[in-house]
Amino acid sequence: LEKPDRIIFDLDPGEGIRFKQIVEAAFFVKEYLETRGLTLDVKTTGGKGLHVVVPLKPKLDWKKVHAGTGEIAAAIAKAAPETFVVNMAKDKRAKRIFIDFHRNYRGATAVAPYSLRARANLPASTPVNWSDLRSIDAPEDLNYSTLPGILNNSGDPWAAMDQDAADLSVALKQPK
């Protein structure tokens, strides 16, 4: 319990950001982190954003993981400042996507996969394949009614996630 086995980068859109922009931003994050030896998975949140999730070998403690994911988020924001921001202040997030790395400290919460949200049409926090992500028009399309059929046809995209666990300390040593 003291060494996390997953990290989350919560891509939280500011005012003026469309879902397709968040999707493209998620692919940017994916490419950025893959160059550091990390394998990523993605899910809708049942809200407006996306969670980019990285399975880890549980080696570092929570404090080091939180600090490391903060460094990564800052580097991503520096690489694409017109798209990303790490400052959570609402006035700094207009027309940008906040990379919330604060889900990676001990005791932080995030909506669990396949959880229904208490909103109209019961949208679900839904794991998706990267190959399918661009075909999603709106995250609320993945909901109480549609999710069973999607899972029956495609299966669980995260079924083998833990097989791709990486060592975050190695990724943090990569050039920024």
Protein backbone atom coordinates (compact mmCIF):
# COMPACT_ATOMS: atom_id res chain seq x y z
CA LEU A 1 0.00 0.00 0.00
CA GLU A 2 2.89 2.38 0.53
CA LYS A 3 4.24 1.97 -3.01
CA PRO A 4 1.74 2.82 -5.77
CA ASP A 5 1.30 0.51 -8.73
CA ARG A 6 -0.46 3.05 -10.97
CA ILE A 7 -0.28 6.72 -11.68
CA ILE A 8 -2.91 8.95 -13.23
CA PHE A 9 -2.60 12.07 -15.30
CA ASP A 10 -6.06 13.61 -15.21
CA LEU A 11 -6.56 15.74 -18.32
CA ASP A 12 -9.07 18.29 -17.12
CA PRO A 13 -10.30 20.74 -19.77
CA GLY A 14 -10.60 24.44 -19.13
CA GLU A 15 -13.30 26.62 -20.64
CA GLY A 16 -13.33 26.52 -24.43
CA ILE A 17 -11.76 23.06 -24.83
CA ARG A 18 -13.65 20.48 -26.89
CA PHE A 19 -13.44 16.74 -26.26
CA LYS A 20 -11.54 16.11 -29.51
CA GLN A 21 -8.84 18.50 -28.25
CA ILE A 22 -8.54 16.47 -25.05
CA VAL A 23 -8.19 13.31 -27.12
CA GLU A 24 -5.34 14.83 -29.15
CA ALA A 25 -3.73 16.04 -25.92
CA ALA A 26 -3.92 12.50 -24.53
CA PHE A 27 -2.05 11.22 -27.59
CA PHE A 28 0.60 13.90 -27.00
CA VAL A 29 1.00 12.70 -23.40
CA LYS A 30 1.12 9.09 -24.60
CA GLU A 31 3.89 9.82 -27.09
CA TYR A 32 5.81 11.89 -24.54
CA LEU A 33 5.70 9.18 -21.87
CA GLU A 34 6.39 6.29 -24.23
CA THR A 35 9.75 7.87 -25.06
CA ARG A 36 10.51 7.45 -21.35
CA GLY A 37 9.72 3.74 -21.40
CA LEU A 38 6.22 3.94 -19.95
CA THR A 39 3.14 2.16 -21.30
CA LEU A 40 -0.12 4.05 -20.95
CA ASP A 41 -3.77 3.21 -20.82
CA VAL A 42 -6.66 5.63 -21.09
CA LYS A 43 -10.21 5.97 -19.86
CA THR A 44 -12.98 8.47 -19.92
CA THR A 45 -13.89 9.91 -16.53
CA GLY A 46 -17.63 10.00 -17.03
CA GLY A 47 -17.18 13.77 -17.10
CA LYS A 48 -15.42 16.08 -19.54
CA GLY A 49 -11.85 14.80 -19.25
CA LEU A 50 -9.68 11.75 -19.69
CA HIS A 51 -7.43 9.80 -17.35
CA VAL A 52 -4.13 8.65 -18.75
CA VAL A 53 -3.08 5.76 -16.52
CA VAL A 54 0.39 4.22 -16.23
CA PRO A 55 0.89 0.85 -14.52
CA LEU A 56 3.99 0.80 -12.31
CA LYS A 57 6.21 -1.68 -10.60
CA PRO A 58 5.61 -0.69 -6.97
CA LYS A 59 9.10 0.53 -6.07
CA LEU A 60 8.80 4.20 -5.09
CA ASP A 61 6.86 5.56 -2.13
CA TRP A 62 3.93 7.96 -2.51
CA LYS A 63 5.98 11.09 -1.86
CA LYS A 64 8.50 10.24 -4.59
CA VAL A 65 5.75 9.23 -7.01
CA HIS A 66 3.85 12.48 -6.45
CA ALA A 67 7.02 14.55 -6.88
CA GLY A 68 7.99 12.58 -9.99
CA THR A 69 4.60 12.91 -11.63
CA GLY A 70 4.72 16.64 -10.87
CA GLU A 71 8.04 16.84 -12.73
CA ILE A 72 6.57 14.92 -15.66
CA ALA A 73 3.44 17.10 -15.80
CA ALA A 74 5.58 20.27 -15.72
CA ALA A 75 7.77 18.93 -18.53
CA ILE A 76 4.72 18.12 -20.65
CA ALA A 77 3.29 21.60 -20.03
CA LYS A 78 6.64 23.14 -20.96
CA ALA A 79 6.74 21.07 -24.17
CA ALA A 80 3.26 22.25 -25.23
CA PRO A 81 2.41 25.43 -23.26
CA GLU A 82 -0.39 26.39 -25.63
CA THR A 83 -2.17 23.14 -24.75
CA PHE A 84 -1.30 22.28 -21.15
CA VAL A 85 -1.06 23.95 -17.76
CA VAL A 86 -0.08 22.55 -14.35
CA ASN A 87 -1.54 25.43 -12.36
CA MET A 88 -4.96 24.38 -11.06
CA ALA A 89 -6.29 27.95 -10.78
CA LYS A 90 -9.38 28.26 -12.98
CA ASP A 91 -8.24 31.59 -14.48
CA LYS A 92 -5.00 29.96 -15.73
CA ARG A 93 -6.87 27.12 -17.45
CA ALA A 94 -8.97 28.95 -20.04
CA LYS A 95 -8.51 27.27 -23.44
CA ARG A 96 -5.97 24.88 -21.94
CA ILE A 97 -5.95 21.46 -20.34
CA PHE A 98 -4.92 21.13 -16.72
CA ILE A 99 -2.67 18.11 -16.16
CA ASP A 100 -3.75 17.08 -12.70
CA PHE A 101 -1.00 14.94 -11.23
CA HIS A 102 -2.29 15.41 -7.69
CA ARG A 103 -4.19 12.12 -7.95
CA ASN A 104 -0.80 10.54 -7.27
CA TYR A 105 -0.38 11.29 -3.60
CA ARG A 106 -1.40 8.99 -0.79
CA GLY A 107 -5.09 9.27 -0.03
CA ALA A 108 -6.03 10.98 -3.30
CA THR A 109 -9.05 9.65 -5.14
CA ALA A 110 -10.04 9.14 -8.76
CA VAL A 111 -13.17 7.68 -10.27
CA ALA A 112 -12.79 3.94 -10.68
CA PRO A 113 -13.07 2.22 -14.07
CA TYR A 114 -16.62 1.28 -15.03
CA SER A 115 -18.13 3.56 -12.38
CA LEU A 116 -21.36 5.28 -13.29
CA ARG A 117 -21.52 9.01 -12.64
CA ALA A 118 -24.53 10.71 -11.09
CA ARG A 119 -25.32 12.76 -14.18
CA ALA A 120 -27.93 12.68 -16.93
CA ASN A 121 -27.89 9.36 -18.87
CA LEU A 122 -25.47 7.86 -16.29
CA PRO A 123 -22.16 8.29 -18.13
CA ALA A 124 -19.46 5.81 -17.10
CA SER A 125 -15.78 6.11 -16.43
CA THR A 126 -14.76 3.78 -19.23
CA PRO A 127 -11.40 2.24 -20.17
CA VAL A 128 -10.90 2.42 -23.94
CA ASN A 129 -8.33 1.17 -26.40
CA TRP A 130 -6.07 3.88 -27.78
CA SER A 131 -7.08 2.72 -31.25
CA ASP A 132 -10.72 3.50 -30.45
CA LEU A 133 -10.25 6.78 -28.61
CA ARG A 134 -10.47 9.07 -31.65
CA SER A 135 -13.79 7.49 -32.65
CA ILE A 136 -15.53 8.67 -29.47
CA ASP A 137 -17.54 11.78 -30.24
CA ALA A 138 -18.44 12.62 -26.65
CA PRO A 139 -17.55 10.88 -23.39
CA GLU A 140 -21.19 10.76 -22.33
CA ASP A 141 -21.78 8.34 -25.22
CA LEU A 142 -20.17 5.72 -22.96
CA ASN A 143 -22.93 5.23 -20.46
CA TYR A 144 -25.22 2.84 -18.60
CA SER A 145 -27.00 1.89 -21.82
CA THR A 146 -24.06 1.51 -24.19
CA LEU A 147 -21.34 0.06 -21.97
CA PRO A 148 -22.57 -3.56 -21.76
CA GLY A 149 -22.67 -3.87 -25.55
CA ILE A 150 -19.24 -2.30 -25.93
CA LEU A 151 -17.73 -4.71 -23.40
CA ASN A 152 -19.43 -7.71 -25.00
CA ASN A 153 -18.01 -6.77 -28.40
CA SER A 154 -14.55 -5.55 -27.42
CA GLY A 155 -13.75 -6.98 -24.00
CA ASP A 156 -11.92 -5.13 -21.25
CA PRO A 157 -9.16 -2.95 -22.74
CA TRP A 158 -7.35 -3.02 -19.39
CA ALA A 159 -7.41 -6.79 -18.86
CA ALA A 160 -3.63 -7.11 -19.28
CA MET A 161 -2.64 -3.66 -18.01
CA ASP A 162 -0.41 -4.85 -15.18
CA GLN A 163 1.79 -6.83 -17.59
CA ASP A 164 3.07 -3.48 -18.87
CA ALA A 165 4.14 -2.14 -15.47
CA ALA A 166 7.30 -0.04 -15.64
CA ASP A 167 9.79 1.38 -13.17
CA LEU A 168 8.99 5.08 -12.69
CA SER A 169 12.46 5.81 -11.30
CA VAL A 170 13.96 4.75 -14.64
CA ALA A 171 11.51 6.93 -16.57
CA LEU A 172 12.34 9.93 -14.36
CA LYS A 173 16.03 9.63 -15.27
CA GLN A 174 15.27 10.04 -18.99
CA PRO A 175 16.21 13.41 -20.55
CA LYS A 176 13.37 15.89 -20.44
